[in-house]
Amino acid sequence: MGAHHQYHPVSKLLHWTMGIIWIGVWCAGFLAVHFREQLNPHHGLSLWHKAIAITLVFLVVVRVFWRIVTPPPPLPDSMTPRMQQAAFAGHLAIYALALVALPMSGWALSSVAGKPVMMLGLVAIPPYLPESPAVVETVRTIHTWLSWLCAAMVAGHIVLAFKHHVVDRDGVLQGMLPARRTDAGR
């Protein structure tokens, strides 16, 4: 794989940082809801979930700006134009749904429920919708369904990355992996 298929180190850092945050807060949200009595009786896990998840709203702005000023490397020629369009559409969907709509729906849920959101436990994030107990369950349902849709999309993204690595052997996954030190680079 040529160097022209490597993502910029900042792009890699943003990708992996946001991916780890996203998976971590998704798991925390799942555990907070489905194991409430055992793991979340005082809502500490829910507070942690919100405190970390809200950072995605701000990081996505940085990531989109960075992507505009530092476009990704071209996809391999072995991918048909249709596959390249599908890859673009899939990435756009992940940005729009998993990195924007899902965190925003969580923020909306906290807003209408009158619950605070403290980014990283340090900065109070003001509600962006008025408190409205009448719509809490509707917003919660939207957030829940969106979280499952996004989980399927992220799982598909991971599966396709491994497909590129194992089946296609086209260097797409290696282009996003952190650079390895070589003997010459030590």
N, C-alpha and C. Protein backbone atom coordinates (compact mmCIF):
# COMPACT_ATOMS: atom_id res chain seq x y z
N MET A 1 0.84 -1.18 0.00
CA MET A 1 0.00 0.00 0.00
C MET A 1 0.88 1.24 0.00
N GLY A 2 0.61 2.17 -0.88
CA GLY A 2 1.39 3.38 -1.00
C GLY A 2 1.03 4.39 0.08
N ALA A 3 1.94 5.34 0.29
CA ALA A 3 1.71 6.36 1.30
C ALA A 3 0.50 7.23 0.95
N HIS A 4 0.14 7.29 -0.33
CA HIS A 4 -0.98 8.13 -0.72
C HIS A 4 -2.31 7.59 -0.20
N HIS A 5 -2.34 6.35 0.31
CA HIS A 5 -3.57 5.79 0.88
C HIS A 5 -3.61 5.94 2.40
N GLN A 6 -2.63 6.62 2.97
CA GLN A 6 -2.59 6.84 4.41
C GLN A 6 -3.40 8.08 4.78
N TYR A 7 -4.19 7.96 5.83
CA TYR A 7 -4.89 9.12 6.36
C TYR A 7 -3.90 9.96 7.16
N HIS A 8 -4.17 11.22 7.27
CA HIS A 8 -3.34 12.13 8.06
C HIS A 8 -3.40 11.67 9.53
N PRO A 9 -2.30 11.82 10.28
CA PRO A 9 -2.31 11.41 11.70
C PRO A 9 -3.42 12.06 12.52
N VAL A 10 -3.78 13.31 12.24
CA VAL A 10 -4.87 13.96 12.98
C VAL A 10 -6.20 13.29 12.63
N SER A 11 -6.38 12.92 11.36
CA SER A 11 -7.60 12.22 10.95
C SER A 11 -7.71 10.89 11.69
N LYS A 12 -6.59 10.19 11.79
CA LYS A 12 -6.58 8.91 12.51
C LYS A 12 -6.91 9.12 13.98
N LEU A 13 -6.31 10.12 14.59
CA LEU A 13 -6.56 10.41 16.00
C LEU A 13 -8.03 10.71 16.24
N LEU A 14 -8.61 11.56 15.41
CA LEU A 14 -10.03 11.88 15.55
C LEU A 14 -10.90 10.65 15.34
N HIS A 15 -10.60 9.86 14.32
CA HIS A 15 -11.38 8.66 14.02
C HIS A 15 -11.38 7.70 15.21
N TRP A 16 -10.19 7.35 15.69
CA TRP A 16 -10.09 6.35 16.76
C TRP A 16 -10.58 6.89 18.09
N THR A 17 -10.31 8.15 18.38
CA THR A 17 -10.80 8.74 19.64
C THR A 17 -12.32 8.76 19.66
N MET A 18 -12.91 9.25 18.57
CA MET A 18 -14.37 9.33 18.53
C MET A 18 -14.99 7.94 18.48
N GLY A 19 -14.34 7.00 17.80
CA GLY A 19 -14.86 5.63 17.75
C GLY A 19 -14.87 5.00 19.13
N ILE A 20 -13.79 5.17 19.87
CA ILE A 20 -13.70 4.61 21.22
C ILE A 20 -14.72 5.27 22.13
N ILE A 21 -14.83 6.59 22.04
CA ILE A 21 -15.84 7.30 22.85
C ILE A 21 -17.23 6.79 22.50
N TRP A 22 -17.52 6.70 21.20
CA TRP A 22 -18.86 6.29 20.77
C TRP A 22 -19.20 4.90 21.29
N ILE A 23 -18.31 3.95 21.09
CA ILE A 23 -18.57 2.58 21.55
C ILE A 23 -18.69 2.54 23.07
N GLY A 24 -17.82 3.27 23.76
CA GLY A 24 -17.88 3.30 25.23
C GLY A 24 -19.19 3.87 25.75
N VAL A 25 -19.63 4.99 25.19
CA VAL A 25 -20.87 5.58 25.70
C VAL A 25 -22.09 4.78 25.26
N TRP A 26 -22.01 4.13 24.10
CA TRP A 26 -23.13 3.27 23.68
C TRP A 26 -23.27 2.12 24.69
N CYS A 27 -22.15 1.49 25.03
CA CYS A 27 -22.18 0.38 26.00
C CYS A 27 -22.66 0.87 27.37
N ALA A 28 -22.18 2.04 27.78
CA ALA A 28 -22.62 2.59 29.07
C ALA A 28 -24.12 2.86 29.06
N GLY A 29 -24.63 3.39 27.95
CA GLY A 29 -26.07 3.64 27.85
C GLY A 29 -26.86 2.35 27.90
N PHE A 30 -26.37 1.35 27.19
CA PHE A 30 -27.04 0.04 27.20
C PHE A 30 -27.08 -0.53 28.62
N LEU A 31 -25.94 -0.51 29.30
CA LEU A 31 -25.88 -1.04 30.66
C LEU A 31 -26.73 -0.23 31.63
N ALA A 32 -26.73 1.10 31.46
CA ALA A 32 -27.51 1.97 32.34
C ALA A 32 -29.00 1.68 32.24
N VAL A 33 -29.46 1.34 31.04
CA VAL A 33 -30.89 1.09 30.84
C VAL A 33 -31.26 -0.35 31.18
N HIS A 34 -30.48 -1.30 30.68
CA HIS A 34 -30.87 -2.71 30.80
C HIS A 34 -30.40 -3.38 32.09
N PHE A 35 -29.50 -2.74 32.82
CA PHE A 35 -29.04 -3.27 34.09
C PHE A 35 -29.12 -2.17 35.15
N ARG A 36 -30.23 -1.43 35.08
CA ARG A 36 -30.42 -0.26 35.96
C ARG A 36 -30.27 -0.64 37.43
N GLU A 37 -30.95 -1.68 37.87
CA GLU A 37 -30.93 -2.04 39.29
C GLU A 37 -29.54 -2.48 39.75
N GLN A 38 -28.85 -3.25 38.90
CA GLN A 38 -27.54 -3.78 39.30
C GLN A 38 -26.41 -2.77 39.15
N LEU A 39 -26.41 -2.01 38.06
CA LEU A 39 -25.26 -1.16 37.74
C LEU A 39 -25.52 0.34 37.80
N ASN A 40 -26.78 0.73 37.86
CA ASN A 40 -27.09 2.15 37.74
C ASN A 40 -28.20 2.59 38.72
N PRO A 41 -28.19 2.08 39.95
CA PRO A 41 -29.30 2.41 40.85
C PRO A 41 -29.36 3.90 41.21
N HIS A 42 -28.24 4.59 41.21
CA HIS A 42 -28.21 6.01 41.57
C HIS A 42 -27.93 6.89 40.35
N HIS A 43 -28.03 6.31 39.17
CA HIS A 43 -27.89 7.01 37.89
C HIS A 43 -26.48 7.53 37.61
N GLY A 44 -25.50 7.02 38.32
CA GLY A 44 -24.11 7.43 38.06
C GLY A 44 -23.65 7.05 36.67
N LEU A 45 -24.03 5.86 36.20
CA LEU A 45 -23.65 5.43 34.87
C LEU A 45 -24.33 6.30 33.80
N SER A 46 -25.56 6.69 34.05
CA SER A 46 -26.26 7.59 33.13
C SER A 46 -25.57 8.95 33.07
N LEU A 47 -25.14 9.46 34.21
CA LEU A 47 -24.44 10.74 34.23
C LEU A 47 -23.12 10.64 33.48
N TRP A 48 -22.40 9.55 33.67
CA TRP A 48 -21.14 9.34 32.95
C TRP A 48 -21.41 9.24 31.45
N HIS A 49 -22.44 8.48 31.07
CA HIS A 49 -22.84 8.33 29.67
C HIS A 49 -23.04 9.69 29.02
N LYS A 50 -23.81 10.55 29.66
CA LYS A 50 -24.10 11.88 29.10
C LYS A 50 -22.86 12.77 29.10
N ALA A 51 -22.07 12.71 30.17
CA ALA A 51 -20.89 13.57 30.30
C ALA A 51 -19.86 13.32 29.20
N ILE A 52 -19.75 12.08 28.79
CA ILE A 52 -18.79 11.74 27.73
C ILE A 52 -19.44 11.86 26.36
N ALA A 53 -20.68 11.41 26.22
CA ALA A 53 -21.35 11.43 24.92
C ALA A 53 -21.49 12.84 24.36
N ILE A 54 -21.71 13.83 25.21
CA ILE A 54 -21.91 15.20 24.72
C ILE A 54 -20.64 15.73 24.06
N THR A 55 -19.49 15.16 24.40
CA THR A 55 -18.25 15.61 23.75
C THR A 55 -18.27 15.32 22.25
N LEU A 56 -19.03 14.29 21.85
CA LEU A 56 -19.11 13.96 20.42
C LEU A 56 -19.73 15.10 19.61
N VAL A 57 -20.68 15.81 20.20
CA VAL A 57 -21.32 16.94 19.50
C VAL A 57 -20.26 17.98 19.15
N PHE A 58 -19.33 18.21 20.04
CA PHE A 58 -18.29 19.21 19.81
C PHE A 58 -17.15 18.65 18.96
N LEU A 59 -16.79 17.41 19.20
CA LEU A 59 -15.72 16.79 18.40
C LEU A 59 -16.10 16.64 16.94
N VAL A 60 -17.38 16.41 16.65
CA VAL A 60 -17.78 16.24 15.25
C VAL A 60 -17.59 17.54 14.48
N VAL A 61 -17.75 18.68 15.14
CA VAL A 61 -17.50 19.96 14.48
C VAL A 61 -16.02 20.05 14.09
N VAL A 62 -15.14 19.67 15.01
CA VAL A 62 -13.71 19.66 14.74
C VAL A 62 -13.41 18.68 13.59
N ARG A 63 -14.03 17.51 13.68
CA ARG A 63 -13.75 16.48 12.67
C ARG A 63 -14.23 16.89 11.29
N VAL A 64 -15.39 17.48 11.18
CA VAL A 64 -15.89 17.92 9.87
C VAL A 64 -15.00 19.03 9.32
N PHE A 65 -14.64 20.00 10.18
CA PHE A 65 -13.73 21.05 9.73
C PHE A 65 -12.42 20.44 9.23
N TRP A 66 -11.87 19.51 10.01
CA TRP A 66 -10.61 18.88 9.63
C TRP A 66 -10.75 18.13 8.30
N ARG A 67 -11.87 17.46 8.12
CA ARG A 67 -12.07 16.71 6.87
C ARG A 67 -12.18 17.65 5.67
N ILE A 68 -12.75 18.83 5.88
CA ILE A 68 -12.84 19.81 4.79
C ILE A 68 -11.44 20.31 4.40
N VAL A 69 -10.62 20.61 5.39
CA VAL A 69 -9.29 21.14 5.09
C VAL A 69 -8.27 20.06 4.77
N THR A 70 -8.56 18.82 5.17
CA THR A 70 -7.64 17.70 4.90
C THR A 70 -8.45 16.54 4.35
N PRO A 71 -8.71 16.54 3.04
CA PRO A 71 -9.53 15.47 2.46
C PRO A 71 -8.88 14.10 2.66
N PRO A 72 -9.70 13.06 2.71
CA PRO A 72 -9.15 11.71 2.87
C PRO A 72 -8.40 11.28 1.62
N PRO A 73 -7.54 10.28 1.74
CA PRO A 73 -6.85 9.77 0.56
C PRO A 73 -7.85 9.10 -0.38
N PRO A 74 -7.49 8.96 -1.63
CA PRO A 74 -8.41 8.29 -2.56
C PRO A 74 -8.59 6.82 -2.18
N LEU A 75 -9.77 6.31 -2.48
CA LEU A 75 -10.02 4.89 -2.25
C LEU A 75 -9.28 4.10 -3.33
N PRO A 76 -8.99 2.83 -3.07
CA PRO A 76 -8.25 2.03 -4.04
C PRO A 76 -8.99 1.91 -5.37
N ASP A 77 -8.22 1.82 -6.44
CA ASP A 77 -8.80 1.65 -7.78
C ASP A 77 -9.56 0.33 -7.91
N SER A 78 -9.27 -0.61 -7.01
CA SER A 78 -9.95 -1.91 -7.06
C SER A 78 -11.42 -1.79 -6.68
N MET A 79 -11.79 -0.67 -6.05
CA MET A 79 -13.20 -0.45 -5.70
C MET A 79 -13.90 0.19 -6.90
N THR A 80 -15.02 -0.38 -7.27
CA THR A 80 -15.78 0.17 -8.39
C THR A 80 -16.32 1.55 -8.00
N PRO A 81 -16.67 2.37 -8.99
CA PRO A 81 -17.27 3.66 -8.65
C PRO A 81 -18.52 3.52 -7.77
N ARG A 82 -19.30 2.49 -8.02
CA ARG A 82 -20.51 2.25 -7.21
C ARG A 82 -20.14 1.93 -5.76
N MET A 83 -19.09 1.13 -5.57
CA MET A 83 -18.63 0.82 -4.21
C MET A 83 -18.09 2.08 -3.53
N GLN A 84 -17.40 2.92 -4.29
CA GLN A 84 -16.88 4.15 -3.71
C GLN A 84 -18.02 5.09 -3.30
N GLN A 85 -19.07 5.15 -4.12
CA GLN A 85 -20.24 5.95 -3.77
C GLN A 85 -20.92 5.40 -2.52
N ALA A 86 -21.00 4.08 -2.43
CA ALA A 86 -21.61 3.45 -1.25
C ALA A 86 -20.78 3.74 0.00
N ALA A 87 -19.45 3.72 -0.14
CA ALA A 87 -18.58 4.03 1.00
C ALA A 87 -18.79 5.47 1.45
N PHE A 88 -18.88 6.38 0.49
CA PHE A 88 -19.12 7.79 0.82
C PHE A 88 -20.47 7.95 1.53
N ALA A 89 -21.50 7.31 1.00
CA ALA A 89 -22.84 7.40 1.59
C ALA A 89 -22.85 6.80 3.00
N GLY A 90 -22.16 5.68 3.17
CA GLY A 90 -22.10 5.05 4.49
C GLY A 90 -21.40 5.92 5.51
N HIS A 91 -20.28 6.53 5.11
CA HIS A 91 -19.58 7.44 6.03
C HIS A 91 -20.43 8.67 6.34
N LEU A 92 -21.09 9.19 5.35
CA LEU A 92 -21.97 10.34 5.57
C LEU A 92 -23.09 9.98 6.55
N ALA A 93 -23.66 8.79 6.40
CA ALA A 93 -24.72 8.33 7.31
C ALA A 93 -24.20 8.19 8.74
N ILE A 94 -22.99 7.67 8.89
CA ILE A 94 -22.41 7.54 10.23
C ILE A 94 -22.21 8.92 10.85
N TYR A 95 -21.66 9.85 10.07
CA TYR A 95 -21.50 11.22 10.59
C TYR A 95 -22.85 11.79 11.01
N ALA A 96 -23.83 11.72 10.10
CA ALA A 96 -25.12 12.37 10.33
C ALA A 96 -25.90 11.72 11.47
N LEU A 97 -25.93 10.41 11.49
CA LEU A 97 -26.77 9.72 12.48
C LEU A 97 -26.02 9.41 13.78
N ALA A 98 -24.88 8.72 13.68
CA ALA A 98 -24.19 8.28 14.89
C ALA A 98 -23.45 9.39 15.60
N LEU A 99 -22.91 10.36 14.84
CA LEU A 99 -22.09 11.40 15.46
C LEU A 99 -22.82 12.72 15.67
N VAL A 100 -23.98 12.89 15.03
CA VAL A 100 -24.74 14.12 15.23
C VAL A 100 -26.13 13.81 15.81
N ALA A 101 -26.94 13.07 15.07
CA ALA A 101 -28.34 12.87 15.49
C ALA A 101 -28.45 12.12 16.81
N LEU A 102 -27.65 11.08 17.01
CA LEU A 102 -27.76 10.31 18.25
C LEU A 102 -27.37 11.14 19.48
N PRO A 103 -26.20 11.79 19.49
CA PRO A 103 -25.90 12.63 20.66
C PRO A 103 -26.90 13.77 20.84
N MET A 104 -27.36 14.35 19.73
CA MET A 104 -28.33 15.44 19.83
C MET A 104 -29.66 14.94 20.40
N SER A 105 -30.05 13.71 20.03
CA SER A 105 -31.30 13.17 20.58
C SER A 105 -31.15 12.88 22.07
N GLY A 106 -29.96 12.49 22.50
CA GLY A 106 -29.72 12.30 23.92
C GLY A 106 -29.77 13.62 24.67
N TRP A 107 -29.18 14.64 24.07
CA TRP A 107 -29.22 15.98 24.66
C TRP A 107 -30.66 16.47 24.71
N ALA A 108 -31.42 16.18 23.65
CA ALA A 108 -32.84 16.54 23.63
C ALA A 108 -33.59 15.83 24.75
N LEU A 109 -33.28 14.55 24.96
CA LEU A 109 -33.94 13.78 26.01
C LEU A 109 -33.66 14.40 27.38
N SER A 110 -32.41 14.72 27.63
CA SER A 110 -32.08 15.37 28.91
C SER A 110 -32.78 16.71 29.03
N SER A 111 -32.85 17.45 27.94
CA SER A 111 -33.50 18.77 27.95
C SER A 111 -34.97 18.66 28.32
N VAL A 112 -35.71 17.82 27.60
CA VAL A 112 -37.16 17.74 27.85
C VAL A 112 -37.45 17.10 29.20
N ALA A 113 -36.53 16.26 29.69
CA ALA A 113 -36.72 15.63 31.00
C ALA A 113 -36.26 16.53 32.15
N GLY A 114 -35.66 17.66 31.80
CA GLY A 114 -35.18 18.56 32.85
C GLY A 114 -33.98 18.03 33.60
N LYS A 115 -33.18 17.20 32.93
CA LYS A 115 -31.99 16.60 33.56
C LYS A 115 -30.74 17.35 33.09
N PRO A 116 -29.79 17.56 33.97
CA PRO A 116 -28.58 18.29 33.59
C PRO A 116 -27.65 17.43 32.73
N VAL A 117 -26.85 18.11 31.92
CA VAL A 117 -25.78 17.47 31.17
C VAL A 117 -24.51 18.24 31.51
N MET A 118 -23.53 17.52 32.06
CA MET A 118 -22.26 18.13 32.43
C MET A 118 -21.17 17.50 31.56
N MET A 119 -20.68 18.25 30.57
CA MET A 119 -19.64 17.70 29.69
C MET A 119 -18.39 17.43 30.52
N LEU A 120 -17.95 16.18 30.45
CA LEU A 120 -16.79 15.69 31.19
C LEU A 120 -16.93 15.94 32.70
N GLY A 121 -18.17 16.15 33.15
CA GLY A 121 -18.41 16.40 34.56
C GLY A 121 -17.96 17.77 35.02
N LEU A 122 -17.58 18.64 34.06
CA LEU A 122 -17.00 19.94 34.41
C LEU A 122 -17.80 21.13 33.91
N VAL A 123 -18.36 21.02 32.72
CA VAL A 123 -19.01 22.16 32.07
C VAL A 123 -20.50 21.86 31.90
N ALA A 124 -21.33 22.73 32.47
CA ALA A 124 -22.78 22.55 32.33
C ALA A 124 -23.18 22.93 30.91
N ILE A 125 -23.85 22.00 30.23
CA ILE A 125 -24.35 22.24 28.89
C ILE A 125 -25.83 22.61 29.03
N PRO A 126 -26.20 23.79 28.57
CA PRO A 126 -27.60 24.20 28.75
C PRO A 126 -28.55 23.36 27.88
N PRO A 127 -29.78 23.21 28.32
CA PRO A 127 -30.74 22.48 27.50
C PRO A 127 -31.00 23.25 26.21
N TYR A 128 -31.26 22.53 25.14
CA TYR A 128 -31.58 23.23 23.90
C TYR A 128 -33.05 23.12 23.55
N LEU A 129 -33.80 22.40 24.37
CA LEU A 129 -35.26 22.34 24.25
C LEU A 129 -35.84 22.64 25.62
N PRO A 130 -37.05 23.19 25.66
CA PRO A 130 -37.66 23.45 26.97
C PRO A 130 -38.08 22.13 27.64
N GLU A 131 -38.08 22.16 28.95
CA GLU A 131 -38.55 20.99 29.70
C GLU A 131 -40.00 20.71 29.32
N SER A 132 -40.29 19.44 29.04
CA SER A 132 -41.63 19.07 28.59
C SER A 132 -41.88 17.60 28.92
N PRO A 133 -42.37 17.33 30.13
CA PRO A 133 -42.61 15.94 30.53
C PRO A 133 -43.53 15.18 29.57
N ALA A 134 -44.39 15.89 28.86
CA ALA A 134 -45.34 15.23 27.96
C ALA A 134 -44.65 14.55 26.77
N VAL A 135 -43.45 14.98 26.40
CA VAL A 135 -42.78 14.39 25.23
C VAL A 135 -41.56 13.54 25.60
N VAL A 136 -41.29 13.38 26.89
CA VAL A 136 -40.11 12.62 27.32
C VAL A 136 -40.11 11.22 26.71
N GLU A 137 -41.21 10.50 26.81
CA GLU A 137 -41.23 9.12 26.30
C GLU A 137 -41.06 9.07 24.79
N THR A 138 -41.61 10.03 24.07
CA THR A 138 -41.43 10.07 22.62
C THR A 138 -39.96 10.29 22.27
N VAL A 139 -39.32 11.25 22.94
CA VAL A 139 -37.91 11.54 22.68
C VAL A 139 -37.05 10.35 23.10
N ARG A 140 -37.39 9.71 24.21
CA ARG A 140 -36.65 8.53 24.67
C ARG A 140 -36.76 7.41 23.62
N THR A 141 -37.93 7.22 23.04
CA THR A 141 -38.12 6.19 22.02
C THR A 141 -37.27 6.51 20.78
N ILE A 142 -37.28 7.76 20.38
CA ILE A 142 -36.44 8.16 19.23
C ILE A 142 -34.98 7.89 19.52
N HIS A 143 -34.51 8.28 20.70
CA HIS A 143 -33.10 8.07 21.08
C HIS A 143 -32.75 6.58 21.11
N THR A 144 -33.66 5.78 21.65
CA THR A 144 -33.42 4.33 21.74
C THR A 144 -33.36 3.69 20.36
N TRP A 145 -34.33 3.97 19.50
CA TRP A 145 -34.32 3.39 18.15
C TRP A 145 -33.13 3.87 17.34
N LEU A 146 -32.80 5.13 17.48
CA LEU A 146 -31.64 5.68 16.78
C LEU A 146 -30.36 5.02 17.27
N SER A 147 -30.28 4.74 18.57
CA SER A 147 -29.07 4.09 19.10
C SER A 147 -28.89 2.69 18.52
N TRP A 148 -29.97 1.95 18.35
CA TRP A 148 -29.87 0.61 17.77
C TRP A 148 -29.53 0.68 16.28
N LEU A 149 -30.12 1.62 15.57
CA LEU A 149 -29.78 1.81 14.16
C LEU A 149 -28.30 2.15 14.00
N CYS A 150 -27.83 3.07 14.83
CA CYS A 150 -26.43 3.48 14.76
C CYS A 150 -25.49 2.34 15.16
N ALA A 151 -25.88 1.54 16.13
CA ALA A 151 -25.06 0.39 16.51
C ALA A 151 -24.91 -0.56 15.33
N ALA A 152 -25.99 -0.78 14.59
CA ALA A 152 -25.92 -1.64 13.40
C ALA A 152 -25.01 -1.01 12.35
N MET A 153 -25.09 0.29 12.16
CA MET A 153 -24.23 0.96 11.19
C MET A 153 -22.76 0.87 11.58
N VAL A 154 -22.47 1.11 12.85
CA VAL A 154 -21.08 1.05 13.32
C VAL A 154 -20.56 -0.38 13.21
N ALA A 155 -21.38 -1.36 13.57
CA ALA A 155 -20.97 -2.77 13.42
C ALA A 155 -20.69 -3.08 11.95
N GLY A 156 -21.54 -2.59 11.05
CA GLY A 156 -21.32 -2.79 9.62
C GLY A 156 -20.03 -2.13 9.16
N HIS A 157 -19.73 -0.96 9.67
CA HIS A 157 -18.50 -0.24 9.35
C HIS A 157 -17.28 -1.08 9.76
N ILE A 158 -17.34 -1.65 10.94
CA ILE A 158 -16.23 -2.48 11.44
C ILE A 158 -16.09 -3.74 10.59
N VAL A 159 -17.21 -4.40 10.30
CA VAL A 159 -17.18 -5.61 9.47
C VAL A 159 -16.59 -5.30 8.09
N LEU A 160 -17.02 -4.20 7.50
CA LEU A 160 -16.51 -3.85 6.16
C LEU A 160 -15.02 -3.48 6.21
N ALA A 161 -14.57 -2.86 7.29
CA ALA A 161 -13.14 -2.57 7.42
C ALA A 161 -12.33 -3.87 7.43
N PHE A 162 -12.83 -4.87 8.16
CA PHE A 162 -12.15 -6.17 8.17
C PHE A 162 -12.25 -6.87 6.82
N LYS A 163 -13.35 -6.70 6.12
CA LYS A 163 -13.49 -7.27 4.78
C LYS A 163 -12.42 -6.69 3.86
N HIS A 164 -12.22 -5.36 3.94
CA HIS A 164 -11.17 -4.74 3.12
C HIS A 164 -9.81 -5.33 3.46
N HIS A 165 -9.59 -5.63 4.72
CA HIS A 165 -8.29 -6.14 5.17
C HIS A 165 -8.09 -7.61 4.81
N VAL A 166 -9.09 -8.44 5.10
CA VAL A 166 -8.94 -9.90 4.97
C VAL A 166 -9.27 -10.40 3.56
N VAL A 167 -10.35 -9.90 2.99
CA VAL A 167 -10.80 -10.40 1.69
C VAL A 167 -10.18 -9.61 0.54
N ASP A 168 -10.38 -8.29 0.57
CA ASP A 168 -9.92 -7.46 -0.55
C ASP A 168 -8.42 -7.20 -0.51
N ARG A 169 -7.86 -7.16 0.68
CA ARG A 169 -6.42 -6.88 0.86
C ARG A 169 -5.99 -5.63 0.10
N ASP A 170 -6.81 -4.58 0.25
CA ASP A 170 -6.59 -3.36 -0.53
C ASP A 170 -5.96 -2.21 0.26
N GLY A 171 -5.64 -2.43 1.52
CA GLY A 171 -4.95 -1.42 2.30
C GLY A 171 -5.84 -0.36 2.93
N VAL A 172 -7.15 -0.47 2.76
CA VAL A 172 -8.05 0.55 3.32
C VAL A 172 -7.92 0.60 4.84
N LEU A 173 -7.96 -0.54 5.50
CA LEU A 173 -7.86 -0.55 6.96
C LEU A 173 -6.48 -0.05 7.41
N GLN A 174 -5.42 -0.51 6.75
CA GLN A 174 -4.08 -0.07 7.15
C GLN A 174 -3.92 1.44 7.04
N GLY A 175 -4.62 2.05 6.09
CA GLY A 175 -4.53 3.49 5.91
C GLY A 175 -5.07 4.28 7.09
N MET A 176 -5.93 3.65 7.90
CA MET A 176 -6.51 4.33 9.06
C MET A 176 -5.86 3.88 10.37
N LEU A 177 -5.04 2.84 10.32
CA LEU A 177 -4.38 2.38 11.54
C LEU A 177 -3.25 3.33 11.91
N PRO A 178 -2.96 3.44 13.22
CA PRO A 178 -1.82 4.26 13.62
C PRO A 178 -0.54 3.76 12.97
N ALA A 179 0.35 4.69 12.66
CA ALA A 179 1.62 4.32 12.02
C ALA A 179 2.44 3.46 12.98
N ARG A 180 3.08 2.47 12.39
CA ARG A 180 3.96 1.61 13.19
C ARG A 180 5.38 2.12 13.10
N ARG A 181 6.08 1.95 14.19
CA ARG A 181 7.50 2.30 14.18
C ARG A 181 8.25 1.23 13.41
N THR A 182 9.19 1.68 12.64
CA THR A 182 10.06 0.74 11.94
C THR A 182 11.42 0.78 12.61
N ASP A 183 12.27 -0.16 12.26
CA ASP A 183 13.61 -0.17 12.84
C ASP A 183 14.34 1.13 12.52
N ALA A 184 14.10 1.67 11.32
CA ALA A 184 14.75 2.91 10.91
C ALA A 184 14.20 4.09 11.69
N GLY A 185 12.95 3.99 12.16
CA GLY A 185 12.31 5.10 12.86
C GLY A 185 12.55 5.12 14.35
N ARG A 186 13.33 4.17 14.88
CA ARG A 186 13.56 4.10 16.34
C ARG A 186 14.67 4.97 16.79
